[in-house]
Amino acid sequence: MIYSREVEEMCPVAQGVHHGAAPIPEEAKWVQAKEVKDISGFTHGVGWCAPQQGACKLSLNVKEGVIQEALIETLGCSGMTHSAAMASEILPGLTVLEALNTDLVCDAINTAMRELFLQIVYGRSQSAFSEDGLAVGAGLEDLGKGLRSQIGTMYGTLAKGPRYLEMAEGYVTGIALDEDNQIIGYQYVSLGKMTDFIKKGDDPNTAWEKAKGQYGRVADAVKIIDPRKE
């Protein structure tokens, strides 16, 4: 350690009371985090790219400073999906500090990593008060049937009104309208379920029928329109 002449000539004065780092909640314990290995927790959050034209939802499960599980969901340019594929290989096994300083190529994923780092090291994780935290695999619980991201896609114009295109349940095939042309429900097909049925041996038409569902007062509809064509 190199000290300046001014510091070398100072007389020593004892430091007063110091209680150390403020404890943060981690997996039902209060921890004074001093090193990376002191950090544990499961959390998720959102990041965005520099032009704010895309977003990433990142879920991390950290045990003793090391990322054990990562779920990367992106919405935006096609390059984001390829960056997410890379991130799924890169992130597990890194410490949260390594991950924070690793270029994950996509701005949105990098920003999500930064935001999650802040959540975890400040004790704001989803598992802060869960004894022993969440099991590795908990990230998959954020997904829908068939392990597909739950996405909502809606479109509307002043001239023609709203169109439901994708709901959490799946791909919207029909919008139910009442006598005033107001939406009172919708029909959908769960593409995740449909794919699973096909994988188990069903023909596509059978799988399509088995994966269909509806929500709302569809039975009371005056007409049902295809949101992509009508």
C-alpha atoms as a PDB file:
ATOM      1  CA  MET A   1       0.000   0.000   0.000  1.00  0.00           C
ATOM      2  CA  ILE A   2       1.375   3.398  -0.937  1.00  0.00           C
ATOM      3  CA  TYR A   3       0.523   6.399   1.233  1.00  0.00           C
ATOM      4  CA  SER A   4       1.078  10.049   0.460  1.00  0.00           C
ATOM      5  CA  ARG A   5       3.535  12.018   2.608  1.00  0.00           C
ATOM      6  CA  GLU A   6       0.629  13.894   4.181  1.00  0.00           C
ATOM      7  CA  VAL A   7      -1.026  10.677   5.339  1.00  0.00           C
ATOM      8  CA  GLU A   8       2.255   9.199   6.594  1.00  0.00           C
ATOM      9  CA  GLU A   9       2.785  12.240   8.831  1.00  0.00           C
ATOM     10  CA  MET A  10      -0.703  12.016  10.376  1.00  0.00           C
ATOM     11  CA  CYS A  11      -1.098  10.607  13.859  1.00  0.00           C
ATOM     12  CA  PRO A  12      -3.437   7.598  14.140  1.00  0.00           C
ATOM     13  CA  VAL A  13      -6.971   8.126  15.463  1.00  0.00           C
ATOM     14  CA  ALA A  14      -9.116   5.110  16.350  1.00  0.00           C
ATOM     15  CA  GLN A  15     -12.227   4.514  14.281  1.00  0.00           C
ATOM     16  CA  GLY A  16     -15.464   4.595  16.244  1.00  0.00           C
ATOM     17  CA  VAL A  17     -18.329   2.141  16.319  1.00  0.00           C
ATOM     18  CA  HIS A  18     -18.760   0.140  13.135  1.00  0.00           C
ATOM     19  CA  HIS A  19     -21.455  -2.518  12.957  1.00  0.00           C
ATOM     20  CA  GLY A  20     -20.579  -3.741   9.464  1.00  0.00           C
ATOM     21  CA  ALA A  21     -22.846  -4.027   6.459  1.00  0.00           C
ATOM     22  CA  ALA A  22     -26.573  -3.698   7.002  1.00  0.00           C
ATOM     23  CA  PRO A  23     -28.089  -7.214   6.999  1.00  0.00           C
ATOM     24  CA  ILE A  24     -30.297  -8.099   4.053  1.00  0.00           C
ATOM     25  CA  PRO A  25     -33.008 -10.805   3.916  1.00  0.00           C
ATOM     26  CA  GLU A  26     -31.882 -13.895   2.036  1.00  0.00           C
ATOM     27  CA  GLU A  27     -33.890 -17.102   1.969  1.00  0.00           C
ATOM     28  CA  ALA A  28     -35.425 -16.492   5.433  1.00  0.00           C
ATOM     29  CA  LYS A  29     -32.102 -15.415   6.985  1.00  0.00           C
ATOM     30  CA  TRP A  30     -30.620 -12.001   7.702  1.00  0.00           C
ATOM     31  CA  VAL A  31     -27.182 -11.874   6.110  1.00  0.00           C
ATOM     32  CA  GLN A  32     -24.373  -9.326   6.339  1.00  0.00           C
ATOM     33  CA  ALA A  33     -23.178  -9.751   2.775  1.00  0.00           C
ATOM     34  CA  LYS A  34     -19.446  -9.037   2.563  1.00  0.00           C
ATOM     35  CA  GLU A  35     -18.443 -11.242  -0.365  1.00  0.00           C
ATOM     36  CA  VAL A  36     -20.112 -12.505  -3.534  1.00  0.00           C
ATOM     37  CA  LYS A  37     -20.518 -15.973  -2.001  1.00  0.00           C
ATOM     38  CA  ASP A  38     -22.755 -14.423   0.672  1.00  0.00           C
ATOM     39  CA  ILE A  39     -25.458 -13.708  -1.918  1.00  0.00           C
ATOM     40  CA  SER A  40     -28.369 -16.104  -2.486  1.00  0.00           C
ATOM     41  CA  GLY A  41     -31.836 -15.561  -3.899  1.00  0.00           C
ATOM     42  CA  PHE A  42     -34.309 -16.064  -6.724  1.00  0.00           C
ATOM     43  CA  THR A  43     -35.593 -13.052  -8.600  1.00  0.00           C
ATOM     44  CA  HIS A  44     -36.732 -11.822 -11.975  1.00  0.00           C
ATOM     45  CA  GLY A  45     -36.985  -8.485 -13.709  1.00  0.00           C
ATOM     46  CA  VAL A  46     -36.958  -6.628 -16.995  1.00  0.00           C
ATOM     47  CA  GLY A  47     -34.263  -4.900 -19.023  1.00  0.00           C
ATOM     48  CA  TRP A  48     -34.466  -2.861 -22.216  1.00  0.00           C
ATOM     49  CA  CYS A  49     -32.146  -2.097 -25.119  1.00  0.00           C
ATOM     50  CA  ALA A  50     -30.557   1.309 -25.741  1.00  0.00           C
ATOM     51  CA  PRO A  51     -33.094   2.447 -28.371  1.00  0.00           C
ATOM     52  CA  GLN A  52     -35.836   0.991 -26.123  1.00  0.00           C
ATOM     53  CA  GLN A  53     -37.185  -1.095 -28.971  1.00  0.00           C
ATOM     54  CA  GLY A  54     -36.988  -4.442 -27.190  1.00  0.00           C
ATOM     55  CA  ALA A  55     -37.102  -5.953 -23.722  1.00  0.00           C
ATOM     56  CA  CYS A  56     -35.815  -8.966 -21.796  1.00  0.00           C
ATOM     57  CA  LYS A  57     -37.355 -10.651 -18.791  1.00  0.00           C
ATOM     58  CA  LEU A  58     -34.570 -12.406 -16.912  1.00  0.00           C
ATOM     59  CA  SER A  59     -35.050 -14.862 -14.031  1.00  0.00           C
ATOM     60  CA  LEU A  60     -32.062 -15.964 -11.940  1.00  0.00           C
ATOM     61  CA  ASN A  61     -31.701 -18.475  -9.127  1.00  0.00           C
ATOM     62  CA  VAL A  62     -28.508 -17.726  -7.193  1.00  0.00           C
ATOM     63  CA  LYS A  63     -27.040 -19.986  -4.510  1.00  0.00           C
ATOM     64  CA  GLU A  64     -23.979 -18.822  -2.556  1.00  0.00           C
ATOM     65  CA  GLY A  65     -23.116 -16.279  -5.206  1.00  0.00           C
ATOM     66  CA  VAL A  66     -23.304 -18.653  -8.176  1.00  0.00           C
ATOM     67  CA  ILE A  67     -26.101 -18.594 -10.767  1.00  0.00           C
ATOM     68  CA  GLN A  68     -27.657 -22.062 -10.791  1.00  0.00           C
ATOM     69  CA  GLU A  69     -30.595 -21.311 -13.079  1.00  0.00           C
ATOM     70  CA  ALA A  70     -31.394 -18.705 -15.716  1.00  0.00           C
ATOM     71  CA  LEU A  71     -34.563 -18.107 -17.725  1.00  0.00           C
ATOM     72  CA  ILE A  72     -34.236 -15.570 -20.548  1.00  0.00           C
ATOM     73  CA  GLU A  73     -37.340 -14.322 -22.355  1.00  0.00           C
ATOM     74  CA  THR A  74     -37.036 -11.625 -25.014  1.00  0.00           C
ATOM     75  CA  LEU A  75     -39.381  -9.427 -26.990  1.00  0.00           C
ATOM     76  CA  GLY A  76     -38.028  -7.350 -29.820  1.00  0.00           C
ATOM     77  CA  CYS A  77     -35.542  -7.864 -32.627  1.00  0.00           C
ATOM     78  CA  SER A  78     -34.655 -11.319 -33.917  1.00  0.00           C
ATOM     79  CA  GLY A  79     -31.083 -10.865 -32.707  1.00  0.00           C
ATOM     80  CA  MET A  80     -32.348 -10.834 -29.128  1.00  0.00           C
ATOM     81  CA  THR A  81     -33.450 -14.453 -29.368  1.00  0.00           C
ATOM     82  CA  HIS A  82     -29.988 -15.505 -30.496  1.00  0.00           C
ATOM     83  CA  SER A  83     -28.405 -13.496 -27.690  1.00  0.00           C
ATOM     84  CA  ALA A  84     -30.798 -15.171 -25.246  1.00  0.00           C
ATOM     85  CA  ALA A  85     -29.653 -18.569 -26.529  1.00  0.00           C
ATOM     86  CA  MET A  86     -26.067 -17.571 -25.768  1.00  0.00           C
ATOM     87  CA  ALA A  87     -27.020 -16.214 -22.344  1.00  0.00           C
ATOM     88  CA  SER A  88     -28.691 -19.502 -21.387  1.00  0.00           C
ATOM     89  CA  GLU A  89     -25.322 -21.191 -21.923  1.00  0.00           C
ATOM     90  CA  ILE A  90     -23.175 -18.443 -20.416  1.00  0.00           C
ATOM     91  CA  LEU A  91     -24.982 -17.448 -17.210  1.00  0.00           C
ATOM     92  CA  PRO A  92     -25.294 -20.722 -15.225  1.00  0.00           C
ATOM     93  CA  GLY A  93     -22.068 -21.282 -13.310  1.00  0.00           C
ATOM     94  CA  LEU A  94     -21.035 -17.618 -13.165  1.00  0.00           C
ATOM     95  CA  THR A  95     -21.045 -15.612  -9.984  1.00  0.00           C
ATOM     96  CA  VAL A  96     -23.430 -12.657 -10.021  1.00  0.00           C
ATOM     97  CA  LEU A  97     -20.405 -10.350 -10.239  1.00  0.00           C
ATOM     98  CA  GLU A  98     -18.986 -12.238 -13.221  1.00  0.00           C
ATOM     99  CA  ALA A  99     -22.389 -12.161 -14.913  1.00  0.00           C
ATOM    100  CA  LEU A 100     -22.703  -8.427 -14.316  1.00  0.00           C
ATOM    101  CA  ASN A 101     -19.399  -7.883 -16.101  1.00  0.00           C
ATOM    102  CA  THR A 102     -20.011 -10.358 -18.936  1.00  0.00           C
ATOM    103  CA  ASP A 103     -21.150  -8.963 -22.292  1.00  0.00           C
ATOM    104  CA  LEU A 104     -24.356 -10.840 -23.069  1.00  0.00           C
ATOM    105  CA  VAL A 105     -24.394  -9.131 -26.509  1.00  0.00           C
ATOM    106  CA  CYS A 106     -27.958  -7.805 -26.283  1.00  0.00           C
ATOM    107  CA  ASP A 107     -28.436  -4.481 -24.473  1.00  0.00           C
ATOM    108  CA  ALA A 108     -31.745  -5.636 -23.045  1.00  0.00           C
ATOM    109  CA  ILE A 109     -30.233  -8.770 -21.489  1.00  0.00           C
ATOM    110  CA  ASN A 110     -27.286  -6.801 -20.105  1.00  0.00           C
ATOM    111  CA  THR A 111     -29.661  -4.240 -18.592  1.00  0.00           C
ATOM    112  CA  ALA A 112     -31.824  -6.988 -17.091  1.00  0.00           C
ATOM    113  CA  MET A 113     -28.683  -8.513 -15.528  1.00  0.00           C
ATOM    114  CA  ARG A 114     -27.821  -5.140 -14.003  1.00  0.00           C
ATOM    115  CA  GLU A 115     -31.302  -4.650 -12.584  1.00  0.00           C
ATOM    116  CA  LEU A 116     -31.387  -8.167 -11.111  1.00  0.00           C
ATOM    117  CA  PHE A 117     -27.930  -7.714  -9.608  1.00  0.00           C
ATOM    118  CA  LEU A 118     -29.227  -4.659  -7.756  1.00  0.00           C
ATOM    119  CA  GLN A 119     -32.316  -6.544  -6.556  1.00  0.00           C
ATOM    120  CA  ILE A 120     -30.303  -9.466  -5.237  1.00  0.00           C
ATOM    121  CA  VAL A 121     -27.494  -7.577  -3.488  1.00  0.00           C
ATOM    122  CA  TYR A 122     -29.967  -5.225  -1.822  1.00  0.00           C
ATOM    123  CA  GLY A 123     -32.070  -8.107  -0.517  1.00  0.00           C
ATOM    124  CA  ARG A 124     -35.079  -7.475  -2.776  1.00  0.00           C
ATOM    125  CA  SER A 125     -35.333 -11.012  -4.162  1.00  0.00           C
ATOM    126  CA  GLN A 126     -38.584 -12.960  -4.481  1.00  0.00           C
ATOM    127  CA  SER A 127     -37.173 -15.581  -2.101  1.00  0.00           C
ATOM    128  CA  ALA A 128     -36.028 -13.137   0.585  1.00  0.00           C
ATOM    129  CA  PHE A 129     -38.311 -14.699   3.186  1.00  0.00           C
ATOM    130  CA  SER A 130     -38.555 -18.245   1.773  1.00  0.00           C
ATOM    131  CA  GLU A 131     -36.713 -20.762   3.922  1.00  0.00           C
ATOM    132  CA  ASP A 132     -33.900 -22.362   1.885  1.00  0.00           C
ATOM    133  CA  GLY A 133     -34.995 -20.277  -1.098  1.00  0.00           C
ATOM    134  CA  LEU A 134     -36.553 -21.720  -4.232  1.00  0.00           C
ATOM    135  CA  ALA A 135     -35.524 -25.017  -5.807  1.00  0.00           C
ATOM    136  CA  VAL A 136     -33.597 -24.959  -9.060  1.00  0.00           C
ATOM    137  CA  GLY A 137     -36.341 -25.268 -11.659  1.00  0.00           C
ATOM    138  CA  ALA A 138     -38.537 -22.593 -10.098  1.00  0.00           C
ATOM    139  CA  GLY A 139     -37.913 -20.379 -13.124  1.00  0.00           C
ATOM    140  CA  LEU A 140     -39.921 -22.741 -15.302  1.00  0.00           C
ATOM    141  CA  GLU A 141     -43.001 -21.994 -13.204  1.00  0.00           C
ATOM    142  CA  ASP A 142     -43.137 -18.574 -14.882  1.00  0.00           C
ATOM    143  CA  LEU A 143     -43.920 -20.296 -18.172  1.00  0.00           C
ATOM    144  CA  GLY A 144     -47.223 -21.496 -19.564  1.00  0.00           C
ATOM    145  CA  LYS A 145     -48.269 -24.944 -20.735  1.00  0.00           C
ATOM    146  CA  GLY A 146     -45.723 -26.606 -22.973  1.00  0.00           C
ATOM    147  CA  LEU A 147     -43.045 -24.363 -21.406  1.00  0.00           C
ATOM    148  CA  ARG A 148     -43.887 -21.383 -23.617  1.00  0.00           C
ATOM    149  CA  SER A 149     -43.624 -17.769 -22.554  1.00  0.00           C
ATOM    150  CA  GLN A 150     -46.947 -16.229 -21.557  1.00  0.00           C
ATOM    151  CA  ILE A 151     -47.360 -13.367 -24.001  1.00  0.00           C
ATOM    152  CA  GLY A 152     -50.131 -10.863 -24.483  1.00  0.00           C
ATOM    153  CA  THR A 153     -50.411  -9.277 -27.928  1.00  0.00           C
ATOM    154  CA  MET A 154     -53.201  -6.778 -28.543  1.00  0.00           C
ATOM    155  CA  TYR A 155     -53.767  -4.420 -31.453  1.00  0.00           C
ATOM    156  CA  GLY A 156     -56.263  -1.631 -31.979  1.00  0.00           C
ATOM    157  CA  THR A 157     -57.135   1.205 -34.324  1.00  0.00           C
ATOM    158  CA  LEU A 158     -59.480   4.147 -33.901  1.00  0.00           C
ATOM    159  CA  ALA A 159     -61.232   3.196 -37.123  1.00  0.00           C
ATOM    160  CA  LYS A 160     -61.769  -0.518 -36.443  1.00  0.00           C
ATOM    161  CA  GLY A 161     -61.308  -1.011 -32.693  1.00  0.00           C
ATOM    162  CA  PRO A 162     -59.355  -3.643 -30.709  1.00  0.00           C
ATOM    163  CA  ARG A 163     -58.087  -7.047 -31.774  1.00  0.00           C
ATOM    164  CA  TYR A 164     -56.938  -9.682 -29.269  1.00  0.00           C
ATOM    165  CA  LEU A 165     -54.160 -11.690 -30.932  1.00  0.00           C
ATOM    166  CA  GLU A 166     -52.413 -13.601 -28.150  1.00  0.00           C
ATOM    167  CA  MET A 167     -53.453 -14.131 -24.552  1.00  0.00           C
ATOM    168  CA  ALA A 168     -51.677 -15.913 -21.708  1.00  0.00           C
ATOM    169  CA  GLU A 169     -53.807 -18.969 -22.515  1.00  0.00           C
ATOM    170  CA  GLY A 170     -52.612 -19.042 -26.116  1.00  0.00           C
ATOM    171  CA  TYR A 171     -53.182 -17.971 -29.707  1.00  0.00           C
ATOM    172  CA  VAL A 172     -56.533 -16.200 -30.081  1.00  0.00           C
ATOM    173  CA  THR A 173     -58.615 -17.698 -32.890  1.00  0.00           C
ATOM    174  CA  GLY A 174     -61.884 -15.812 -32.411  1.00  0.00           C
ATOM    175  CA  ILE A 175     -63.263 -12.733 -30.649  1.00  0.00           C
ATOM    176  CA  ALA A 176     -66.824 -12.950 -29.356  1.00  0.00           C
ATOM    177  CA  LEU A 177     -68.945  -9.828 -29.932  1.00  0.00           C
ATOM    178  CA  ASP A 178     -72.337  -8.813 -28.569  1.00  0.00           C
ATOM    179  CA  GLU A 179     -75.101  -6.914 -30.370  1.00  0.00           C
ATOM    180  CA  ASP A 180     -73.169  -3.656 -29.840  1.00  0.00           C
ATOM    181  CA  ASN A 181     -70.013  -5.158 -31.354  1.00  0.00           C
ATOM    182  CA  GLN A 182     -68.301  -5.072 -27.968  1.00  0.00           C
ATOM    183  CA  ILE A 183     -65.920  -7.881 -26.977  1.00  0.00           C
ATOM    184  CA  ILE A 184     -67.447 -10.260 -24.425  1.00  0.00           C
ATOM    185  CA  GLY A 185     -65.007 -13.163 -24.735  1.00  0.00           C
ATOM    186  CA  TYR A 186     -62.534 -14.961 -26.914  1.00  0.00           C
ATOM    187  CA  GLN A 187     -61.597 -18.382 -28.223  1.00  0.00           C
ATOM    188  CA  TYR A 188     -58.027 -19.625 -28.266  1.00  0.00           C
ATOM    189  CA  VAL A 189     -55.785 -22.596 -28.878  1.00  0.00           C
ATOM    190  CA  SER A 190     -52.857 -23.371 -26.598  1.00  0.00           C
ATOM    191  CA  LEU A 191     -50.010 -23.986 -29.019  1.00  0.00           C
ATOM    192  CA  GLY A 192     -47.897 -25.456 -26.237  1.00  0.00           C
ATOM    193  CA  LYS A 193     -50.547 -28.046 -25.402  1.00  0.00           C
ATOM    194  CA  MET A 194     -51.189 -28.712 -29.076  1.00  0.00           C
ATOM    195  CA  THR A 195     -47.520 -29.411 -29.717  1.00  0.00           C
ATOM    196  CA  ASP A 196     -47.407 -31.768 -26.730  1.00  0.00           C
ATOM    197  CA  PHE A 197     -50.442 -33.680 -28.052  1.00  0.00           C
ATOM    198  CA  ILE A 198     -48.787 -34.062 -31.446  1.00  0.00           C
ATOM    199  CA  LYS A 199     -45.570 -35.252 -29.788  1.00  0.00           C
ATOM    200  CA  LYS A 200     -47.626 -37.925 -28.015  1.00  0.00           C
ATOM    201  CA  GLY A 201     -49.033 -39.215 -31.306  1.00  0.00           C
ATOM    202  CA  ASP A 202     -52.197 -37.215 -32.021  1.00  0.00           C
ATOM    203  CA  ASP A 203     -52.720 -36.004 -35.572  1.00  0.00           C
ATOM    204  CA  PRO A 204     -52.630 -32.186 -35.940  1.00  0.00           C
ATOM    205  CA  ASN A 205     -56.415 -31.773 -36.327  1.00  0.00           C
ATOM    206  CA  THR A 206     -57.125 -33.829 -33.194  1.00  0.00           C
ATOM    207  CA  ALA A 207     -54.419 -31.977 -31.283  1.00  0.00           C
ATOM    208  CA  TRP A 208     -55.897 -28.630 -32.427  1.00  0.00           C
ATOM    209  CA  GLU A 209     -59.355 -29.561 -31.133  1.00  0.00           C
ATOM    210  CA  LYS A 210     -58.019 -30.867 -27.805  1.00  0.00           C
ATOM    211  CA  ALA A 211     -55.965 -27.708 -27.243  1.00  0.00           C
ATOM    212  CA  LYS A 212     -58.864 -25.306 -27.879  1.00  0.00           C
ATOM    213  CA  GLY A 213     -60.556 -23.296 -25.149  1.00  0.00           C
ATOM    214  CA  GLN A 214     -62.564 -20.151 -24.539  1.00  0.00           C
ATOM    215  CA  TYR A 215     -62.945 -17.379 -21.990  1.00  0.00           C
ATOM    216  CA  GLY A 216     -65.813 -15.052 -21.183  1.00  0.00           C
ATOM    217  CA  ARG A 217     -69.407 -15.087 -22.460  1.00  0.00           C
ATOM    218  CA  VAL A 218     -68.638 -16.758 -25.764  1.00  0.00           C
ATOM    219  CA  ALA A 219     -71.929 -18.656 -25.691  1.00  0.00           C
ATOM    220  CA  ASP A 220     -73.839 -15.333 -25.639  1.00  0.00           C
ATOM    221  CA  ALA A 221     -72.005 -13.897 -28.655  1.00  0.00           C
ATOM    222  CA  VAL A 222     -73.986 -12.520 -31.599  1.00  0.00           C
ATOM    223  CA  LYS A 223     -70.983 -13.252 -33.795  1.00  0.00           C
ATOM    224  CA  ILE A 224     -67.413 -14.453 -33.527  1.00  0.00           C
ATOM    225  CA  ILE A 225     -64.774 -12.864 -35.748  1.00  0.00           C
ATOM    226  CA  ASP A 226     -61.244 -13.883 -36.709  1.00  0.00           C
ATOM    227  CA  PRO A 227     -59.091 -11.083 -35.224  1.00  0.00           C
ATOM    228  CA  ARG A 228     -56.513 -11.432 -37.977  1.00  0.00           C
ATOM    229  CA  LYS A 229     -58.867 -11.310 -40.969  1.00  0.00           C
ATOM    230  CA  GLU A 230     -62.145  -9.636 -40.025  1.00  0.00           C
END
